[in-house]
C-alpha atoms as a PDB file:
ATOM      1  CA  MET A   1     120.908  24.058  -2.937  1.00  0.00           C
ATOM      2  CA  THR A   2     120.441  22.643   0.573  1.00  0.00           C
ATOM      3  CA  ALA A   3     122.724  24.179   3.176  1.00  0.00           C
ATOM      4  CA  GLN A   4     125.037  21.821   5.043  1.00  0.00           C
ATOM      5  CA  TYR A   5     126.827  22.463   8.314  1.00  0.00           C
ATOM      6  CA  THR A   6     129.168  20.476  10.500  1.00  0.00           C
ATOM      7  CA  LEU A   7     128.255  20.111  14.141  1.00  0.00           C
ATOM      8  CA  SER A   8     131.323  22.117  15.121  1.00  0.00           C
ATOM      9  CA  GLU A   9     130.054  25.010  12.963  1.00  0.00           C
ATOM     10  CA  LEU A  10     126.600  24.843  14.490  1.00  0.00           C
ATOM     11  CA  ALA A  11     128.010  24.656  18.022  1.00  0.00           C
ATOM     12  CA  LYS A  12     129.921  27.897  17.448  1.00  0.00           C
ATOM     13  CA  MET A  13     126.843  29.615  16.018  1.00  0.00           C
ATOM     14  CA  CYS A  14     124.705  28.920  19.075  1.00  0.00           C
ATOM     15  CA  GLY A  15     127.382  28.829  21.775  1.00  0.00           C
ATOM     16  CA  ALA A  16     126.852  25.151  22.582  1.00  0.00           C
ATOM     17  CA  HIS A  17     129.202  22.519  23.976  1.00  0.00           C
ATOM     18  CA  LEU A  18     129.611  19.754  21.387  1.00  0.00           C
ATOM     19  CA  GLN A  19     129.202  16.176  22.505  1.00  0.00           C
ATOM     20  CA  GLY A  20     130.132  13.762  19.727  1.00  0.00           C
ATOM     21  CA  ASP A  21     131.526  13.984  16.188  1.00  0.00           C
ATOM     22  CA  PRO A  22     132.540  17.564  15.247  1.00  0.00           C
ATOM     23  CA  ASP A  23     132.692  16.679  11.526  1.00  0.00           C
ATOM     24  CA  ARG A  24     129.203  15.196  11.316  1.00  0.00           C
ATOM     25  CA  GLN A  25     127.205  17.125   8.704  1.00  0.00           C
ATOM     26  CA  VAL A  26     123.520  18.005   8.908  1.00  0.00           C
ATOM     27  CA  SER A  27     121.345  19.639   6.273  1.00  0.00           C
ATOM     28  CA  GLY A  28     117.959  20.013   7.923  1.00  0.00           C
ATOM     29  CA  LEU A  29     115.978  20.538  11.114  1.00  0.00           C
ATOM     30  CA  ASN A  30     113.115  18.357  12.302  1.00  0.00           C
ATOM     31  CA  THR A  31     111.225  16.970  15.290  1.00  0.00           C
ATOM     32  CA  LEU A  32     112.616  14.141  17.407  1.00  0.00           C
ATOM     33  CA  GLN A  33     109.965  11.797  15.993  1.00  0.00           C
ATOM     34  CA  ASP A  34     110.545  12.592  12.324  1.00  0.00           C
ATOM     35  CA  ALA A  35     114.216  13.608  12.070  1.00  0.00           C
ATOM     36  CA  GLN A  36     116.499  11.540   9.836  1.00  0.00           C
ATOM     37  CA  SER A  37     120.227  10.941  10.103  1.00  0.00           C
ATOM     38  CA  HIS A  38     121.045  14.075   8.095  1.00  0.00           C
ATOM     39  CA  GLU A  39     118.901  16.316  10.308  1.00  0.00           C
ATOM     40  CA  LEU A  40     119.266  18.197  13.582  1.00  0.00           C
ATOM     41  CA  SER A  41     116.578  18.079  16.272  1.00  0.00           C
ATOM     42  CA  PHE A  42     116.032  19.508  19.764  1.00  0.00           C
ATOM     43  CA  LEU A  43     114.396  18.689  23.084  1.00  0.00           C
ATOM     44  CA  ALA A  44     112.996  21.654  24.991  1.00  0.00           C
ATOM     45  CA  ASN A  45     109.681  20.355  26.366  1.00  0.00           C
ATOM     46  CA  PRO A  46     109.995  17.428  28.830  1.00  0.00           C
ATOM     47  CA  ALA A  47     106.775  15.994  27.405  1.00  0.00           C
ATOM     48  CA  TYR A  48     108.756  14.899  24.332  1.00  0.00           C
ATOM     49  CA  ALA A  49     111.612  13.239  26.253  1.00  0.00           C
ATOM     50  CA  ARG A  50     110.054   9.835  25.520  1.00  0.00           C
ATOM     51  CA  TYR A  51     111.084  10.229  21.878  1.00  0.00           C
ATOM     52  CA  LEU A  52     114.759  10.890  22.594  1.00  0.00           C
ATOM     53  CA  GLY A  53     115.847   7.265  22.968  1.00  0.00           C
ATOM     54  CA  ASN A  54     114.504   6.262  19.548  1.00  0.00           C
ATOM     55  CA  THR A  55     115.263   9.375  17.515  1.00  0.00           C
ATOM     56  CA  ARG A  56     117.138   8.912  14.248  1.00  0.00           C
ATOM     57  CA  ALA A  57     118.402  12.520  14.257  1.00  0.00           C
ATOM     58  CA  GLY A  58     122.037  13.095  13.380  1.00  0.00           C
ATOM     59  CA  ALA A  59     122.327  15.335  16.431  1.00  0.00           C
ATOM     60  CA  VAL A  60     120.039  16.774  19.107  1.00  0.00           C
ATOM     61  CA  ILE A  61     120.136  20.098  20.966  1.00  0.00           C
ATOM     62  CA  LEU A  62     119.896  19.122  24.640  1.00  0.00           C
ATOM     63  CA  SER A  63     120.158  20.512  28.144  1.00  0.00           C
ATOM     64  CA  PRO A  64     123.167  19.328  30.188  1.00  0.00           C
ATOM     65  CA  GLU A  65     120.868  17.089  32.269  1.00  0.00           C
ATOM     66  CA  MET A  66     119.418  15.308  29.228  1.00  0.00           C
ATOM     67  CA  ALA A  67     122.794  15.064  27.503  1.00  0.00           C
ATOM     68  CA  GLU A  68     124.296  13.033  30.363  1.00  0.00           C
ATOM     69  CA  SER A  69     122.372   9.884  29.410  1.00  0.00           C
ATOM     70  CA  PHE A  70     122.253  10.484  25.642  1.00  0.00           C
ATOM     71  CA  VAL A  71     124.691   8.381  23.579  1.00  0.00           C
ATOM     72  CA  GLY A  72     124.367  10.251  20.271  1.00  0.00           C
ATOM     73  CA  ASN A  73     125.715  13.557  18.985  1.00  0.00           C
ATOM     74  CA  ALA A  74     124.487  16.526  20.974  1.00  0.00           C
ATOM     75  CA  LEU A  75     124.743  20.304  21.091  1.00  0.00           C
ATOM     76  CA  VAL A  76     124.537  20.978  24.818  1.00  0.00           C
ATOM     77  CA  LEU A  77     122.922  24.205  26.004  1.00  0.00           C
ATOM     78  CA  VAL A  78     121.237  25.353  29.208  1.00  0.00           C
ATOM     79  CA  ASN A  79     118.351  26.612  27.043  1.00  0.00           C
ATOM     80  CA  PRO A  80     117.835  24.179  24.122  1.00  0.00           C
ATOM     81  CA  TYR A  81     114.871  26.148  22.790  1.00  0.00           C
ATOM     82  CA  LEU A  82     117.079  29.214  22.419  1.00  0.00           C
ATOM     83  CA  GLY A  83     119.609  27.090  20.545  1.00  0.00           C
ATOM     84  CA  TYR A  84     116.840  25.917  18.224  1.00  0.00           C
ATOM     85  CA  ALA A  85     115.803  29.536  17.669  1.00  0.00           C
ATOM     86  CA  LYS A  86     119.346  30.626  16.825  1.00  0.00           C
ATOM     87  CA  LEU A  87     119.944  27.788  14.366  1.00  0.00           C
ATOM     88  CA  SER A  88     116.519  27.738  12.694  1.00  0.00           C
ATOM     89  CA  SER A  89     117.518  30.434  10.191  1.00  0.00           C
ATOM     90  CA  CYS A  90     120.353  28.193   8.927  1.00  0.00           C
ATOM     91  CA  PHE A  91     117.757  25.857   7.446  1.00  0.00           C
ATOM     92  CA  ALA A  92     115.242  28.408   6.145  1.00  0.00           C
ATOM     93  CA  THR A  93     113.432  27.324   2.975  1.00  0.00           C
ATOM     94  CA  ASP A  94     112.722  30.850   1.694  1.00  0.00           C
ATOM     95  CA  ARG A  95     115.135  31.390  -1.183  1.00  0.00           C
ATOM     96  CA  GLY A  96     115.260  35.165  -0.784  1.00  0.00           C
ATOM     97  CA  ALA A  97     115.457  37.757  -3.513  1.00  0.00           C
ATOM     98  CA  SER A  98     118.386  39.223  -5.407  1.00  0.00           C
ATOM     99  CA  ALA A  99     119.321  42.863  -5.009  1.00  0.00           C
ATOM    100  CA  GLY A 100     117.734  45.180  -7.527  1.00  0.00           C
ATOM    101  CA  ILE A 101     114.319  46.371  -8.673  1.00  0.00           C
ATOM    102  CA  HIS A 102     111.999  44.016 -10.561  1.00  0.00           C
ATOM    103  CA  PRO A 103     110.957  45.421 -13.957  1.00  0.00           C
ATOM    104  CA  THR A 104     107.265  45.348 -12.989  1.00  0.00           C
ATOM    105  CA  ALA A 105     107.786  47.437  -9.839  1.00  0.00           C
ATOM    106  CA  VAL A 106     106.527  51.039  -9.882  1.00  0.00           C
ATOM    107  CA  VAL A 107     109.026  53.332  -8.171  1.00  0.00           C
ATOM    108  CA  ALA A 108     108.675  57.102  -7.852  1.00  0.00           C
ATOM    109  CA  ASP A 109     111.588  59.162  -9.147  1.00  0.00           C
ATOM    110  CA  SER A 110     112.013  60.845  -5.775  1.00  0.00           C
ATOM    111  CA  ALA A 111     112.325  57.555  -3.843  1.00  0.00           C
ATOM    112  CA  ASP A 112     115.802  56.934  -2.406  1.00  0.00           C
ATOM    113  CA  ILE A 113     116.616  53.222  -2.623  1.00  0.00           C
ATOM    114  CA  ASP A 114     119.940  51.680  -1.596  1.00  0.00           C
ATOM    115  CA  PRO A 115     121.431  49.546  -4.428  1.00  0.00           C
ATOM    116  CA  SER A 116     121.553  46.487  -2.141  1.00  0.00           C
ATOM    117  CA  ALA A 117     117.767  46.495  -1.613  1.00  0.00           C
ATOM    118  CA  ALA A 118     115.630  43.810  -3.294  1.00  0.00           C
ATOM    119  CA  ILE A 119     112.333  45.116  -4.693  1.00  0.00           C
ATOM    120  CA  GLY A 120     109.980  42.380  -5.946  1.00  0.00           C
ATOM    121  CA  ALA A 121     107.377  42.119  -8.676  1.00  0.00           C
ATOM    122  CA  ASN A 122     104.483  44.605  -8.725  1.00  0.00           C
ATOM    123  CA  VAL A 123     105.778  46.501  -5.710  1.00  0.00           C
ATOM    124  CA  VAL A 124     104.775  50.179  -5.515  1.00  0.00           C
ATOM    125  CA  ILE A 125     107.181  52.680  -3.929  1.00  0.00           C
ATOM    126  CA  GLU A 126     105.687  56.162  -3.697  1.00  0.00           C
ATOM    127  CA  ALA A 127     107.322  59.594  -3.674  1.00  0.00           C
ATOM    128  CA  GLY A 128     109.802  60.543  -0.971  1.00  0.00           C
ATOM    129  CA  VAL A 129     110.298  57.002   0.365  1.00  0.00           C
ATOM    130  CA  SER A 130     113.716  56.184   1.833  1.00  0.00           C
ATOM    131  CA  ILE A 131     114.889  52.563   1.730  1.00  0.00           C
ATOM    132  CA  ALA A 132     118.184  51.636   3.410  1.00  0.00           C
ATOM    133  CA  ALA A 133     120.692  48.845   2.741  1.00  0.00           C
ATOM    134  CA  ASP A 134     119.660  45.183   2.514  1.00  0.00           C
ATOM    135  CA  VAL A 135     115.924  45.871   2.645  1.00  0.00           C
ATOM    136  CA  ARG A 136     113.779  43.173   1.033  1.00  0.00           C
ATOM    137  CA  ILE A 137     110.282  43.960  -0.262  1.00  0.00           C
ATOM    138  CA  ASP A 138     108.354  41.033  -1.707  1.00  0.00           C
ATOM    139  CA  ALA A 139     105.785  40.988  -4.501  1.00  0.00           C
ATOM    140  CA  GLY A 140     102.655  43.110  -4.312  1.00  0.00           C
ATOM    141  CA  THR A 141     103.713  45.295  -1.404  1.00  0.00           C
ATOM    142  CA  VAL A 142     102.977  49.030  -1.316  1.00  0.00           C
ATOM    143  CA  VAL A 143     105.113  51.590   0.530  1.00  0.00           C
ATOM    144  CA  GLY A 144     103.333  54.926   0.879  1.00  0.00           C
ATOM    145  CA  HIS A 145     104.900  58.327   0.318  1.00  0.00           C
ATOM    146  CA  ASP A 146     107.416  59.754   2.792  1.00  0.00           C
ATOM    147  CA  SER A 147     107.905  56.457   4.621  1.00  0.00           C
ATOM    148  CA  VAL A 148     111.328  55.366   5.899  1.00  0.00           C
ATOM    149  CA  LEU A 149     112.598  51.760   5.990  1.00  0.00           C
ATOM    150  CA  GLY A 150     115.757  51.074   7.995  1.00  0.00           C
ATOM    151  CA  ALA A 151     118.540  48.667   7.051  1.00  0.00           C
ATOM    152  CA  GLY A 152     117.585  45.016   6.813  1.00  0.00           C
ATOM    153  CA  VAL A 153     113.809  45.531   6.942  1.00  0.00           C
ATOM    154  CA  TYR A 154     111.862  42.676   5.344  1.00  0.00           C
ATOM    155  CA  LEU A 155     108.322  43.245   4.052  1.00  0.00           C
ATOM    156  CA  HIS A 156     106.667  40.004   2.956  1.00  0.00           C
ATOM    157  CA  ARG A 157     104.155  39.707   0.118  1.00  0.00           C
ATOM    158  CA  ASN A 158     101.194  42.094  -0.062  1.00  0.00           C
ATOM    159  CA  VAL A 159     102.092  44.247   2.933  1.00  0.00           C
ATOM    160  CA  THR A 160     100.647  47.764   2.890  1.00  0.00           C
ATOM    161  CA  VAL A 161     102.730  50.499   4.477  1.00  0.00           C
ATOM    162  CA  CYS A 162     100.744  53.722   4.318  1.00  0.00           C
ATOM    163  CA  HIS A 163     102.245  57.208   4.070  1.00  0.00           C
ATOM    164  CA  GLY A 164     104.559  58.669   6.673  1.00  0.00           C
ATOM    165  CA  VAL A 165     105.494  55.423   8.434  1.00  0.00           C
ATOM    166  CA  THR A 166     108.936  54.829   9.959  1.00  0.00           C
ATOM    167  CA  ILE A 167     110.195  51.247  10.318  1.00  0.00           C
ATOM    168  CA  GLY A 168     113.391  50.484  12.239  1.00  0.00           C
ATOM    169  CA  GLU A 169     116.266  48.221  11.259  1.00  0.00           C
ATOM    170  CA  ARG A 170     115.796  44.450  10.845  1.00  0.00           C
ATOM    171  CA  THR A 171     112.047  44.594  11.420  1.00  0.00           C
ATOM    172  CA  ILE A 172     110.012  41.855   9.714  1.00  0.00           C
ATOM    173  CA  ILE A 173     106.401  42.391   8.605  1.00  0.00           C
ATOM    174  CA  HIS A 174     104.463  39.376   7.348  1.00  0.00           C
ATOM    175  CA  CYS A 175     101.955  38.949   4.523  1.00  0.00           C
ATOM    176  CA  GLY A 176      98.876  41.122   4.430  1.00  0.00           C
ATOM    177  CA  ALA A 177      99.731  43.381   7.363  1.00  0.00           C
ATOM    178  CA  VAL A 178      98.544  46.992   7.128  1.00  0.00           C
ATOM    179  CA  ILE A 179     100.666  49.642   8.800  1.00  0.00           C
ATOM    180  CA  GLY A 180      99.406  53.216   9.109  1.00  0.00           C
ATOM    181  CA  SER A 181      95.782  53.002   8.002  1.00  0.00           C
ATOM    182  CA  ASP A 182      93.407  55.525   9.557  1.00  0.00           C
ATOM    183  CA  GLY A 183      92.519  55.177  13.201  1.00  0.00           C
ATOM    184  CA  PHE A 184      88.849  54.834  14.163  1.00  0.00           C
ATOM    185  CA  GLY A 185      88.131  58.458  14.968  1.00  0.00           C
ATOM    186  CA  ASN A 186      84.623  59.912  14.709  1.00  0.00           C
ATOM    187  CA  ALA A 187      82.600  62.628  16.408  1.00  0.00           C
ATOM    188  CA  HIS A 188      78.844  62.114  16.829  1.00  0.00           C
ATOM    189  CA  ALA A 189      76.521  65.065  16.239  1.00  0.00           C
ATOM    190  CA  ASP A 190      73.140  65.720  14.634  1.00  0.00           C
ATOM    191  CA  GLY A 191      72.372  62.030  14.476  1.00  0.00           C
ATOM    192  CA  CYS A 192      75.411  61.077  12.394  1.00  0.00           C
ATOM    193  CA  TRP A 193      79.138  60.472  12.599  1.00  0.00           C
ATOM    194  CA  HIS A 194      81.751  63.009  11.462  1.00  0.00           C
ATOM    195  CA  LYS A 195      85.169  61.640  10.515  1.00  0.00           C
ATOM    196  CA  ILE A 196      88.225  62.895  12.409  1.00  0.00           C
ATOM    197  CA  THR A 197      91.136  63.051   9.998  1.00  0.00           C
ATOM    198  CA  GLN A 198      94.059  61.035  11.327  1.00  0.00           C
ATOM    199  CA  ILE A 199      97.150  63.205  10.876  1.00  0.00           C
ATOM    200  CA  GLY A 200      99.684  61.294  12.988  1.00  0.00           C
ATOM    201  CA  GLY A 201     101.937  58.468  11.843  1.00  0.00           C
ATOM    202  CA  VAL A 202     103.326  55.110  12.942  1.00  0.00           C
ATOM    203  CA  VAL A 203     106.839  54.621  14.306  1.00  0.00           C
ATOM    204  CA  ILE A 204     108.097  51.038  14.562  1.00  0.00           C
ATOM    205  CA  GLY A 205     111.404  50.308  16.284  1.00  0.00           C
ATOM    206  CA  CYS A 206     114.229  47.908  15.441  1.00  0.00           C
ATOM    207  CA  ASP A 207     114.062  44.095  15.548  1.00  0.00           C
ATOM    208  CA  VAL A 208     110.258  44.056  15.648  1.00  0.00           C
ATOM    209  CA  GLU A 209     108.228  41.240  14.069  1.00  0.00           C
ATOM    210  CA  ILE A 210     104.626  41.792  12.970  1.00  0.00           C
ATOM    211  CA  GLY A 211     102.389  38.881  11.994  1.00  0.00           C
ATOM    212  CA  ALA A 212     100.186  38.313   8.961  1.00  0.00           C
ATOM    213  CA  ASN A 213      97.065  40.475   8.602  1.00  0.00           C
ATOM    214  CA  THR A 214      97.840  42.512  11.698  1.00  0.00           C
ATOM    215  CA  CYS A 215      96.686  46.145  11.505  1.00  0.00           C
ATOM    216  CA  ILE A 216      98.395  49.084  13.189  1.00  0.00           C
ATOM    217  CA  ASP A 217      96.503  52.368  12.869  1.00  0.00           C
ATOM    218  CA  ARG A 218      98.178  55.729  12.459  1.00  0.00           C
ATOM    219  CA  GLY A 219      97.843  58.280  15.253  1.00  0.00           C
ATOM    220  CA  ALA A 220      95.080  60.848  15.327  1.00  0.00           C
ATOM    221  CA  LEU A 221      97.551  63.418  16.665  1.00  0.00           C
ATOM    222  CA  GLY A 222     101.110  62.232  17.268  1.00  0.00           C
ATOM    223  CA  ASN A 223     102.235  58.704  16.491  1.00  0.00           C
ATOM    224  CA  THR A 224     101.308  55.132  17.233  1.00  0.00           C
ATOM    225  CA  GLU A 225     104.530  53.598  18.608  1.00  0.00           C
ATOM    226  CA  ILE A 226     105.826  50.020  18.551  1.00  0.00           C
ATOM    227  CA  HIS A 227     109.140  49.932  20.398  1.00  0.00           C
ATOM    228  CA  ASP A 228     112.265  47.807  19.814  1.00  0.00           C
ATOM    229  CA  GLY A 229     112.036  44.032  20.044  1.00  0.00           C
ATOM    230  CA  VAL A 230     108.223  43.774  20.127  1.00  0.00           C
ATOM    231  CA  ARG A 231     106.646  40.570  18.798  1.00  0.00           C
ATOM    232  CA  LEU A 232     103.123  40.750  17.349  1.00  0.00           C
ATOM    233  CA  ASP A 233     101.284  37.635  16.168  1.00  0.00           C
ATOM    234  CA  ASN A 234      98.717  37.413  13.362  1.00  0.00           C
ATOM    235  CA  LEU A 235      95.369  39.235  13.241  1.00  0.00           C
ATOM    236  CA  ILE A 236      96.065  41.804  15.944  1.00  0.00           C
ATOM    237  CA  GLN A 237      94.336  45.203  15.939  1.00  0.00           C
ATOM    238  CA  ILE A 238      96.324  48.117  17.375  1.00  0.00           C
ATOM    239  CA  ALA A 239      94.369  51.356  17.414  1.00  0.00           C
ATOM    240  CA  HIS A 240      95.544  54.939  17.011  1.00  0.00           C
ATOM    241  CA  ASN A 241      98.119  56.338  19.437  1.00  0.00           C
ATOM    242  CA  VAL A 242      98.716  53.027  21.199  1.00  0.00           C
ATOM    243  CA  VAL A 243     102.251  52.636  22.597  1.00  0.00           C
ATOM    244  CA  ILE A 244     103.763  49.166  23.050  1.00  0.00           C
ATOM    245  CA  GLY A 245     106.942  48.966  25.124  1.00  0.00           C
ATOM    246  CA  GLU A 246     110.173  47.135  24.333  1.00  0.00           C
ATOM    247  CA  ASN A 247     110.208  43.332  24.054  1.00  0.00           C
ATOM    248  CA  THR A 248     106.493  42.874  24.701  1.00  0.00           C
ATOM    249  CA  ALA A 249     104.956  39.812  23.003  1.00  0.00           C
ATOM    250  CA  ILE A 250     101.281  39.726  21.942  1.00  0.00           C
ATOM    251  CA  ALA A 251      99.500  36.617  20.650  1.00  0.00           C
ATOM    252  CA  ALA A 252      96.895  36.402  17.887  1.00  0.00           C
ATOM    253  CA  SER A 253      93.533  38.188  17.793  1.00  0.00           C
ATOM    254  CA  VAL A 254      94.291  40.697  20.550  1.00  0.00           C
ATOM    255  CA  GLY A 255      92.578  44.092  20.244  1.00  0.00           C
ATOM    256  CA  ILE A 256      94.013  47.234  21.833  1.00  0.00           C
ATOM    257  CA  SER A 257      91.864  50.368  21.874  1.00  0.00           C
ATOM    258  CA  GLY A 258      93.154  53.876  21.254  1.00  0.00           C
ATOM    259  CA  SER A 259      95.766  55.649  23.394  1.00  0.00           C
ATOM    260  CA  THR A 260      96.445  52.635  25.614  1.00  0.00           C
ATOM    261  CA  LYS A 261     100.064  52.249  26.709  1.00  0.00           C
ATOM    262  CA  ILE A 262     101.415  48.723  27.157  1.00  0.00           C
ATOM    263  CA  GLY A 263     104.650  48.501  29.167  1.00  0.00           C
ATOM    264  CA  LYS A 264     107.952  46.763  28.456  1.00  0.00           C
ATOM    265  CA  ASN A 265     108.382  42.975  28.639  1.00  0.00           C
ATOM    266  CA  CYS A 266     104.661  42.246  28.863  1.00  0.00           C
ATOM    267  CA  THR A 267     103.118  38.999  27.601  1.00  0.00           C
ATOM    268  CA  ILE A 268      99.560  39.094  26.289  1.00  0.00           C
ATOM    269  CA  ALA A 269      97.829  35.833  25.395  1.00  0.00           C
ATOM    270  CA  GLY A 270      95.432  35.335  22.497  1.00  0.00           C
ATOM    271  CA  ALA A 271      92.139  37.184  22.036  1.00  0.00           C
ATOM    272  CA  ALA A 272      92.606  39.508  25.012  1.00  0.00           C
ATOM    273  CA  GLY A 273      90.979  42.926  24.701  1.00  0.00           C
ATOM    274  CA  PHE A 274      91.934  46.329  26.082  1.00  0.00           C
ATOM    275  CA  ALA A 275      89.749  49.379  26.589  1.00  0.00           C
ATOM    276  CA  GLY A 276      91.179  52.752  25.574  1.00  0.00           C
ATOM    277  CA  HIS A 277      93.348  55.234  27.480  1.00  0.00           C
ATOM    278  CA  LEU A 278      94.791  52.612  29.852  1.00  0.00           C
ATOM    279  CA  THR A 279      98.324  52.187  31.179  1.00  0.00           C
ATOM    280  CA  ILE A 280      99.690  48.660  31.693  1.00  0.00           C
ATOM    281  CA  ALA A 281     102.753  48.173  33.933  1.00  0.00           C
ATOM    282  CA  ASP A 282     106.027  46.715  32.671  1.00  0.00           C
ATOM    283  CA  GLY A 283     106.265  42.937  33.006  1.00  0.00           C
ATOM    284  CA  THR A 284     102.515  42.273  33.121  1.00  0.00           C
ATOM    285  CA  PHE A 285     101.017  38.954  31.952  1.00  0.00           C
ATOM    286  CA  ILE A 286      97.467  38.922  30.545  1.00  0.00           C
ATOM    287  CA  SER A 287      95.800  35.535  30.073  1.00  0.00           C
ATOM    288  CA  GLY A 288      93.853  34.475  27.000  1.00  0.00           C
ATOM    289  CA  MET A 289      90.524  36.183  26.270  1.00  0.00           C
ATOM    290  CA  ALA A 290      90.871  38.523  29.246  1.00  0.00           C
ATOM    291  CA  MET A 291      89.039  41.862  28.994  1.00  0.00           C
ATOM    292  CA  ILE A 292      91.093  44.659  30.534  1.00  0.00           C
ATOM    293  CA  THR A 293      88.903  47.658  31.384  1.00  0.00           C
ATOM    294  CA  ARG A 294      91.126  49.614  33.754  1.00  0.00           C
ATOM    295  CA  SER A 295      94.805  50.435  34.101  1.00  0.00           C
ATOM    296  CA  ILE A 296      97.203  47.968  35.717  1.00  0.00           C
ATOM    297  CA  PRO A 297      99.763  49.855  37.826  1.00  0.00           C
ATOM    298  CA  LYS A 298     101.529  46.788  39.250  1.00  0.00           C
ATOM    299  CA  ALA A 299     103.125  43.901  37.328  1.00  0.00           C
ATOM    300  CA  GLY A 300     101.556  40.488  37.804  1.00  0.00           C
ATOM    301  CA  SER A 301      99.317  37.922  36.132  1.00  0.00           C
ATOM    302  CA  TYR A 302      95.773  39.085  35.299  1.00  0.00           C
ATOM    303  CA  SER A 303      92.730  37.211  33.991  1.00  0.00           C
ATOM    304  CA  SER A 304      89.003  37.743  33.514  1.00  0.00           C
ATOM    305  CA  GLY A 305      86.007  35.686  32.452  1.00  0.00           C
ATOM    306  CA  THR A 306      85.238  32.136  33.513  1.00  0.00           C
ATOM    307  CA  GLY A 307      86.751  28.818  32.574  1.00  0.00           C
ATOM    308  CA  PHE A 308      84.849  26.560  30.210  1.00  0.00           C
ATOM    309  CA  MET A 309      82.457  23.905  31.497  1.00  0.00           C
ATOM    310  CA  GLU A 310      79.626  21.779  30.143  1.00  0.00           C
ATOM    311  CA  SER A 311      76.845  23.954  28.718  1.00  0.00           C
ATOM    312  CA  ARG A 312      74.277  22.605  31.131  1.00  0.00           C
ATOM    313  CA  GLU A 313      76.419  23.532  34.131  1.00  0.00           C
ATOM    314  CA  TRP A 314      77.267  26.910  32.605  1.00  0.00           C
ATOM    315  CA  ARG A 315      73.560  27.801  32.177  1.00  0.00           C
ATOM    316  CA  LYS A 316      72.908  27.043  35.843  1.00  0.00           C
ATOM    317  CA  ASN A 317      75.844  29.171  36.928  1.00  0.00           C
ATOM    318  CA  ALA A 318      74.826  32.026  34.615  1.00  0.00           C
ATOM    319  CA  VAL A 319      71.529  32.237  36.495  1.00  0.00           C
ATOM    320  CA  ARG A 320      73.430  32.295  39.789  1.00  0.00           C
ATOM    321  CA  PHE A 321      75.702  35.089  38.573  1.00  0.00           C
ATOM    322  CA  ARG A 322      72.641  37.328  38.310  1.00  0.00           C
ATOM    323  CA  GLN A 323      71.702  36.433  41.878  1.00  0.00           C
ATOM    324  CA  LEU A 324      75.082  37.292  43.425  1.00  0.00           C
ATOM    325  CA  ASP A 325      74.138  40.840  44.425  1.00  0.00           C
ATOM    326  CA  GLU A 326      70.994  39.692  46.224  1.00  0.00           C
ATOM    327  CA  LEU A 327      72.902  36.851  47.916  1.00  0.00           C
ATOM    328  CA  THR A 328      75.578  39.280  49.115  1.00  0.00           C
ATOM    329  CA  ARG A 329      72.961  41.542  50.712  1.00  0.00           C
ATOM    330  CA  ARG A 330      71.326  38.571  52.445  1.00  0.00           C
ATOM    331  CA  VAL A 331      74.659  37.339  53.813  1.00  0.00           C
ATOM    332  CA  LYS A 332      75.501  40.807  55.169  1.00  0.00           C
ATOM    333  CA  LYS A 333      72.080  40.997  56.830  1.00  0.00           C
ATOM    334  CA  LEU A 334      72.586  37.582  58.456  1.00  0.00           C
ATOM    335  CA  GLU A 335      76.027  38.626  59.679  1.00  0.00           C
ATOM    336  CA  GLN A 336      74.551  41.740  61.294  1.00  0.00           C
ATOM    337  CA  GLN A 337      71.977  39.620  63.099  1.00  0.00           C
END
């Protein structure tokens, strides 16, 4: 059944000032362009302000400045995007799962599972696992032996949690993610590689979200650590013994090599790469596709590489890049003369 809320209820949920009819009911969330009279919308990006005058939405989440000239129903907030974030869960389409263990699940006798947990079809829970209240584990997921899941953890379909992993309360892990697989540890001798057994674990804090098909390797010695409030996008590779500080957000396809420590409140854009054994200061911003090869001791915005250009122009410049050293020497010589 579709959830319905009055505007007064929604205003209380997100701490907004209500402008308009408190009893108006909405049952969905949509863009300004596509919203219908039964739906709520929002305006956070000024680029979409041109759609506000013609929107058919039943109500719009607006900043105080935009609300002044708007004649319809509005939930007025200084940060409309935050209001959208807070209310989005009210209109979630995922039906959820009922408490209990599906008959096709395979659960070890020694696993400790709170009665309020929901364990889906074909889930495997190995020996010594501890699962707290209100955990949800969707179909096809595996939780390895001696792992611990805190209250309210949600593992989507086909997640693999390997042995000895600890996951904090309210953490969400999306489809296909692998937590606690072996780190890439090898010693080279006699013309071949010798595997280093990875005997550490993974410790994930509370209120973390991990995207689909992201991989977090277990530590070689000690743990890989993902601290409270971290946000990880899809297809990220986090190597053994990496530490990611609180409330850092990392976009898709980033790769972080072993034993690198990322600070708190950092923002890392897509496809950036990090060499191993680095330390990145709190509050650092890394732009997309940057390659970070040394530690960053001071917060700031960092980039590498070159911007795109037409191929013909790029080929000319690539030749000039190789000439830079010679040009520098010639300039210095001219300056001395």
